[in-house]
Amino acid sequence: MLKKAEKEIVCVAQFKAKEGKEAELLLALHGLIPATCREEGTIRYELNQAIEDPRTITFIEKYASQEAFDYHCSTPYIKDFFDRVPPKLVETVVVTLYKEVLP
């Protein structure tokens, strides 16, 4: 039987920018990095832009626990981002949580 991480949560948050808005969205998402990296329980917070479709921008995130992820989602800067940015810049958002399958 394969072993999975017991407590850690991996989040893949994929954003599809509205046409012509990818640079603005990338800048807005990049602005979330410093505060998130200072959160207790954040293990990884990596921003990526698709090579073949630059409108697709994805965070790969890892947290020490579900509680750490829930805390992240409740922070004022994340709430403000989701209230303010997607209506102007985002076509779609898909957030999926995972358990890491260990080697």
N, C-alpha and C. Protein backbone atom coordinates (compact mmCIF):
# COMPACT_ATOMS: atom_id res chain seq x y z
N MET A 1 0.84 -1.19 0.00
CA MET A 1 0.00 0.00 0.00
C MET A 1 0.88 1.25 0.00
N LEU A 2 0.57 2.19 -0.84
CA LEU A 2 1.33 3.44 -0.90
C LEU A 2 1.05 4.29 0.32
N LYS A 3 2.07 4.97 0.76
CA LYS A 3 1.93 5.84 1.93
C LYS A 3 1.69 7.27 1.47
N LYS A 4 0.78 7.95 2.14
CA LYS A 4 0.48 9.35 1.86
C LYS A 4 0.88 10.20 3.05
N ALA A 5 1.16 11.45 2.79
CA ALA A 5 1.46 12.38 3.87
C ALA A 5 0.30 12.38 4.86
N GLU A 6 0.61 12.38 6.14
CA GLU A 6 -0.44 12.28 7.14
C GLU A 6 -1.18 13.60 7.35
N LYS A 7 -0.44 14.69 7.50
CA LYS A 7 -1.08 15.95 7.85
C LYS A 7 -0.99 17.00 6.74
N GLU A 8 0.09 16.97 5.98
CA GLU A 8 0.33 18.02 5.00
C GLU A 8 -0.76 18.05 3.93
N ILE A 9 -1.04 19.26 3.48
CA ILE A 9 -2.02 19.50 2.43
C ILE A 9 -1.31 20.18 1.26
N VAL A 10 -1.54 19.67 0.05
CA VAL A 10 -1.03 20.32 -1.16
C VAL A 10 -2.23 20.95 -1.86
N CYS A 11 -2.07 22.20 -2.24
CA CYS A 11 -3.12 22.93 -2.94
C CYS A 11 -2.59 23.34 -4.31
N VAL A 12 -3.38 23.10 -5.32
CA VAL A 12 -3.08 23.59 -6.66
C VAL A 12 -4.19 24.57 -7.01
N ALA A 13 -3.82 25.84 -7.10
CA ALA A 13 -4.78 26.90 -7.41
C ALA A 13 -4.47 27.41 -8.82
N GLN A 14 -5.36 27.10 -9.76
CA GLN A 14 -5.13 27.44 -11.16
C GLN A 14 -6.07 28.56 -11.59
N PHE A 15 -5.48 29.62 -12.11
CA PHE A 15 -6.21 30.79 -12.57
C PHE A 15 -6.06 30.92 -14.08
N LYS A 16 -7.14 31.21 -14.75
CA LYS A 16 -7.10 31.52 -16.18
C LYS A 16 -7.42 33.00 -16.31
N ALA A 17 -6.44 33.78 -16.75
CA ALA A 17 -6.61 35.22 -16.87
C ALA A 17 -7.56 35.55 -18.02
N LYS A 18 -8.30 36.62 -17.85
CA LYS A 18 -9.08 37.14 -18.96
C LYS A 18 -8.11 37.56 -20.06
N GLU A 19 -8.58 37.53 -21.29
CA GLU A 19 -7.76 37.89 -22.45
C GLU A 19 -7.07 39.23 -22.21
N GLY A 20 -5.73 39.24 -22.35
CA GLY A 20 -4.95 40.46 -22.21
C GLY A 20 -4.69 40.89 -20.78
N LYS A 21 -5.12 40.11 -19.79
CA LYS A 21 -4.98 40.49 -18.38
C LYS A 21 -3.93 39.65 -17.65
N GLU A 22 -3.20 38.80 -18.39
CA GLU A 22 -2.28 37.90 -17.71
C GLU A 22 -1.17 38.61 -16.94
N ALA A 23 -0.62 39.70 -17.46
CA ALA A 23 0.45 40.41 -16.76
C ALA A 23 -0.08 41.02 -15.46
N GLU A 24 -1.27 41.61 -15.50
CA GLU A 24 -1.88 42.17 -14.29
C GLU A 24 -2.17 41.09 -13.25
N LEU A 25 -2.69 39.96 -13.70
CA LEU A 25 -3.00 38.87 -12.78
C LEU A 25 -1.72 38.31 -12.18
N LEU A 26 -0.71 38.12 -12.99
CA LEU A 26 0.56 37.61 -12.50
C LEU A 26 1.13 38.53 -11.42
N LEU A 27 1.06 39.82 -11.64
CA LEU A 27 1.55 40.80 -10.67
C LEU A 27 0.73 40.73 -9.37
N ALA A 28 -0.58 40.64 -9.49
CA ALA A 28 -1.45 40.55 -8.30
C ALA A 28 -1.16 39.28 -7.51
N LEU A 29 -1.02 38.15 -8.20
CA LEU A 29 -0.72 36.89 -7.52
C LEU A 29 0.67 36.91 -6.88
N HIS A 30 1.61 37.47 -7.59
CA HIS A 30 2.98 37.57 -7.07
C HIS A 30 3.01 38.36 -5.76
N GLY A 31 2.14 39.35 -5.65
CA GLY A 31 2.07 40.16 -4.44
C GLY A 31 1.64 39.38 -3.20
N LEU A 32 1.05 38.20 -3.37
CA LEU A 32 0.63 37.38 -2.24
C LEU A 32 1.78 36.57 -1.63
N ILE A 33 2.87 36.45 -2.35
CA ILE A 33 3.95 35.56 -1.93
C ILE A 33 4.60 35.98 -0.61
N PRO A 34 5.05 37.22 -0.42
CA PRO A 34 5.77 37.54 0.82
C PRO A 34 4.97 37.24 2.09
N ALA A 35 3.74 37.70 2.16
CA ALA A 35 2.94 37.47 3.38
C ALA A 35 2.65 35.99 3.59
N THR A 36 2.33 35.28 2.52
CA THR A 36 2.03 33.86 2.65
C THR A 36 3.24 33.06 3.12
N CYS A 37 4.40 33.40 2.61
CA CYS A 37 5.62 32.68 3.02
C CYS A 37 5.97 32.93 4.48
N ARG A 38 5.46 34.00 5.07
CA ARG A 38 5.69 34.28 6.49
C ARG A 38 4.69 33.56 7.40
N GLU A 39 3.63 33.00 6.82
CA GLU A 39 2.63 32.29 7.63
C GLU A 39 3.24 31.02 8.22
N GLU A 40 2.96 30.81 9.50
CA GLU A 40 3.37 29.55 10.13
C GLU A 40 2.60 28.42 9.44
N GLY A 41 3.30 27.39 9.05
CA GLY A 41 2.64 26.25 8.41
C GLY A 41 2.73 26.25 6.90
N THR A 42 3.22 27.34 6.31
CA THR A 42 3.42 27.34 4.85
C THR A 42 4.76 26.68 4.56
N ILE A 43 4.73 25.62 3.77
CA ILE A 43 5.94 24.89 3.39
C ILE A 43 6.39 25.31 1.99
N ARG A 44 5.45 25.49 1.09
CA ARG A 44 5.76 25.83 -0.31
C ARG A 44 4.67 26.74 -0.84
N TYR A 45 5.09 27.76 -1.58
CA TYR A 45 4.14 28.67 -2.20
C TYR A 45 4.79 29.15 -3.50
N GLU A 46 4.56 28.40 -4.55
CA GLU A 46 5.29 28.57 -5.80
C GLU A 46 4.34 29.00 -6.92
N LEU A 47 4.68 30.10 -7.56
CA LEU A 47 3.87 30.66 -8.64
C LEU A 47 4.46 30.25 -9.99
N ASN A 48 3.59 29.78 -10.89
CA ASN A 48 4.03 29.30 -12.20
C ASN A 48 3.11 29.83 -13.30
N GLN A 49 3.68 30.05 -14.47
CA GLN A 49 2.91 30.47 -15.64
C GLN A 49 3.12 29.46 -16.75
N ALA A 50 2.04 28.98 -17.35
CA ALA A 50 2.12 27.96 -18.39
C ALA A 50 2.88 28.49 -19.60
N ILE A 51 3.73 27.64 -20.14
CA ILE A 51 4.52 28.00 -21.31
C ILE A 51 3.65 28.11 -22.55
N GLU A 52 2.79 27.13 -22.75
CA GLU A 52 1.98 27.10 -23.97
C GLU A 52 0.75 28.00 -23.90
N ASP A 53 0.33 28.37 -22.70
CA ASP A 53 -0.82 29.27 -22.54
C ASP A 53 -0.54 30.23 -21.39
N PRO A 54 0.10 31.36 -21.65
CA PRO A 54 0.48 32.29 -20.60
C PRO A 54 -0.69 32.85 -19.79
N ARG A 55 -1.91 32.63 -20.25
CA ARG A 55 -3.07 33.07 -19.47
C ARG A 55 -3.32 32.14 -18.28
N THR A 56 -2.71 30.95 -18.28
CA THR A 56 -2.86 30.00 -17.19
C THR A 56 -1.73 30.19 -16.19
N ILE A 57 -2.12 30.57 -14.98
CA ILE A 57 -1.17 30.88 -13.91
C ILE A 57 -1.57 30.02 -12.71
N THR A 58 -0.59 29.32 -12.14
CA THR A 58 -0.89 28.33 -11.12
C THR A 58 0.02 28.47 -9.91
N PHE A 59 -0.59 28.44 -8.73
CA PHE A 59 0.15 28.31 -7.49
C PHE A 59 0.20 26.83 -7.13
N ILE A 60 1.38 26.35 -6.77
CA ILE A 60 1.55 25.04 -6.15
C ILE A 60 1.90 25.36 -4.69
N GLU A 61 1.05 24.91 -3.79
CA GLU A 61 1.19 25.29 -2.38
C GLU A 61 1.24 24.04 -1.52
N LYS A 62 1.98 24.13 -0.43
CA LYS A 62 2.01 23.03 0.53
C LYS A 62 1.98 23.62 1.93
N TYR A 63 1.10 23.03 2.74
CA TYR A 63 0.91 23.48 4.11
C TYR A 63 1.13 22.33 5.08
N ALA A 64 1.54 22.64 6.28
CA ALA A 64 1.83 21.62 7.28
C ALA A 64 0.60 20.86 7.73
N SER A 65 -0.58 21.46 7.57
CA SER A 65 -1.81 20.82 8.03
C SER A 65 -3.02 21.49 7.39
N GLN A 66 -4.17 20.86 7.55
CA GLN A 66 -5.42 21.46 7.09
C GLN A 66 -5.66 22.79 7.81
N GLU A 67 -5.29 22.83 9.09
CA GLU A 67 -5.47 24.07 9.86
C GLU A 67 -4.62 25.20 9.30
N ALA A 68 -3.40 24.90 8.87
CA ALA A 68 -2.53 25.92 8.28
C ALA A 68 -3.12 26.42 6.97
N PHE A 69 -3.67 25.50 6.16
CA PHE A 69 -4.32 25.91 4.91
C PHE A 69 -5.56 26.76 5.20
N ASP A 70 -6.38 26.34 6.17
CA ASP A 70 -7.57 27.10 6.53
C ASP A 70 -7.20 28.50 7.02
N TYR A 71 -6.12 28.58 7.81
CA TYR A 71 -5.66 29.89 8.27
C TYR A 71 -5.29 30.76 7.07
N HIS A 72 -4.54 30.20 6.14
CA HIS A 72 -4.14 30.95 4.95
C HIS A 72 -5.37 31.51 4.23
N CYS A 73 -6.38 30.68 4.06
CA CYS A 73 -7.60 31.11 3.36
C CYS A 73 -8.36 32.20 4.11
N SER A 74 -8.14 32.29 5.41
CA SER A 74 -8.87 33.27 6.22
C SER A 74 -8.14 34.59 6.39
N THR A 75 -6.91 34.69 5.89
CA THR A 75 -6.15 35.93 6.08
C THR A 75 -6.78 37.08 5.30
N PRO A 76 -6.64 38.29 5.83
CA PRO A 76 -7.23 39.46 5.14
C PRO A 76 -6.73 39.64 3.71
N TYR A 77 -5.45 39.37 3.46
CA TYR A 77 -4.92 39.60 2.10
C TYR A 77 -5.45 38.58 1.11
N ILE A 78 -5.71 37.36 1.53
CA ILE A 78 -6.29 36.36 0.62
C ILE A 78 -7.77 36.69 0.38
N LYS A 79 -8.48 37.01 1.44
CA LYS A 79 -9.89 37.39 1.27
C LYS A 79 -10.02 38.61 0.37
N ASP A 80 -9.17 39.60 0.60
CA ASP A 80 -9.20 40.82 -0.23
C ASP A 80 -8.88 40.49 -1.69
N PHE A 81 -7.89 39.63 -1.90
CA PHE A 81 -7.54 39.24 -3.27
C PHE A 81 -8.76 38.66 -3.98
N PHE A 82 -9.42 37.68 -3.35
CA PHE A 82 -10.54 37.01 -4.01
C PHE A 82 -11.76 37.92 -4.16
N ASP A 83 -11.91 38.90 -3.28
CA ASP A 83 -13.01 39.86 -3.43
C ASP A 83 -12.75 40.85 -4.55
N ARG A 84 -11.49 41.24 -4.71
CA ARG A 84 -11.14 42.36 -5.57
C ARG A 84 -10.65 41.96 -6.95
N VAL A 85 -9.79 40.95 -7.05
CA VAL A 85 -9.07 40.67 -8.29
C VAL A 85 -9.84 39.82 -9.30
N PRO A 86 -10.37 38.66 -8.92
CA PRO A 86 -11.00 37.81 -9.95
C PRO A 86 -12.07 38.50 -10.80
N PRO A 87 -12.94 39.32 -10.22
CA PRO A 87 -13.95 39.93 -11.10
C PRO A 87 -13.35 40.74 -12.26
N LYS A 88 -12.18 41.34 -12.04
CA LYS A 88 -11.56 42.17 -13.07
C LYS A 88 -10.64 41.39 -14.01
N LEU A 89 -9.93 40.38 -13.46
CA LEU A 89 -8.82 39.79 -14.20
C LEU A 89 -8.94 38.30 -14.51
N VAL A 90 -9.86 37.59 -13.86
CA VAL A 90 -9.86 36.13 -13.93
C VAL A 90 -11.09 35.61 -14.67
N GLU A 91 -10.83 34.72 -15.61
CA GLU A 91 -11.91 34.03 -16.34
C GLU A 91 -12.41 32.83 -15.53
N THR A 92 -11.46 32.01 -15.03
CA THR A 92 -11.83 30.85 -14.21
C THR A 92 -10.79 30.63 -13.12
N VAL A 93 -11.24 30.02 -12.02
CA VAL A 93 -10.36 29.61 -10.92
C VAL A 93 -10.75 28.18 -10.55
N VAL A 94 -9.75 27.32 -10.42
CA VAL A 94 -9.97 25.96 -9.95
C VAL A 94 -8.96 25.71 -8.83
N VAL A 95 -9.47 25.40 -7.63
CA VAL A 95 -8.62 25.11 -6.49
C VAL A 95 -8.87 23.65 -6.10
N THR A 96 -7.79 22.87 -6.08
CA THR A 96 -7.89 21.45 -5.76
C THR A 96 -6.90 21.12 -4.65
N LEU A 97 -7.38 20.38 -3.64
CA LEU A 97 -6.52 19.96 -2.54
C LEU A 97 -6.10 18.50 -2.73
N TYR A 98 -4.87 18.21 -2.31
CA TYR A 98 -4.30 16.89 -2.48
C TYR A 98 -3.60 16.44 -1.20
N LYS A 99 -3.40 15.13 -1.09
CA LYS A 99 -2.48 14.52 -0.14
C LYS A 99 -1.31 14.01 -0.96
N GLU A 100 -0.10 14.34 -0.55
CA GLU A 100 1.08 13.90 -1.27
C GLU A 100 1.27 12.39 -1.10
N VAL A 101 1.54 11.71 -2.20
CA VAL A 101 1.88 10.29 -2.17
C VAL A 101 3.40 10.24 -1.99
N LEU A 102 3.84 9.60 -0.92
CA LEU A 102 5.24 9.63 -0.54
C LEU A 102 6.06 8.59 -1.31
N PRO A 103 7.37 8.86 -1.46
CA PRO A 103 8.24 7.91 -2.18
C PRO A 103 8.39 6.59 -1.42
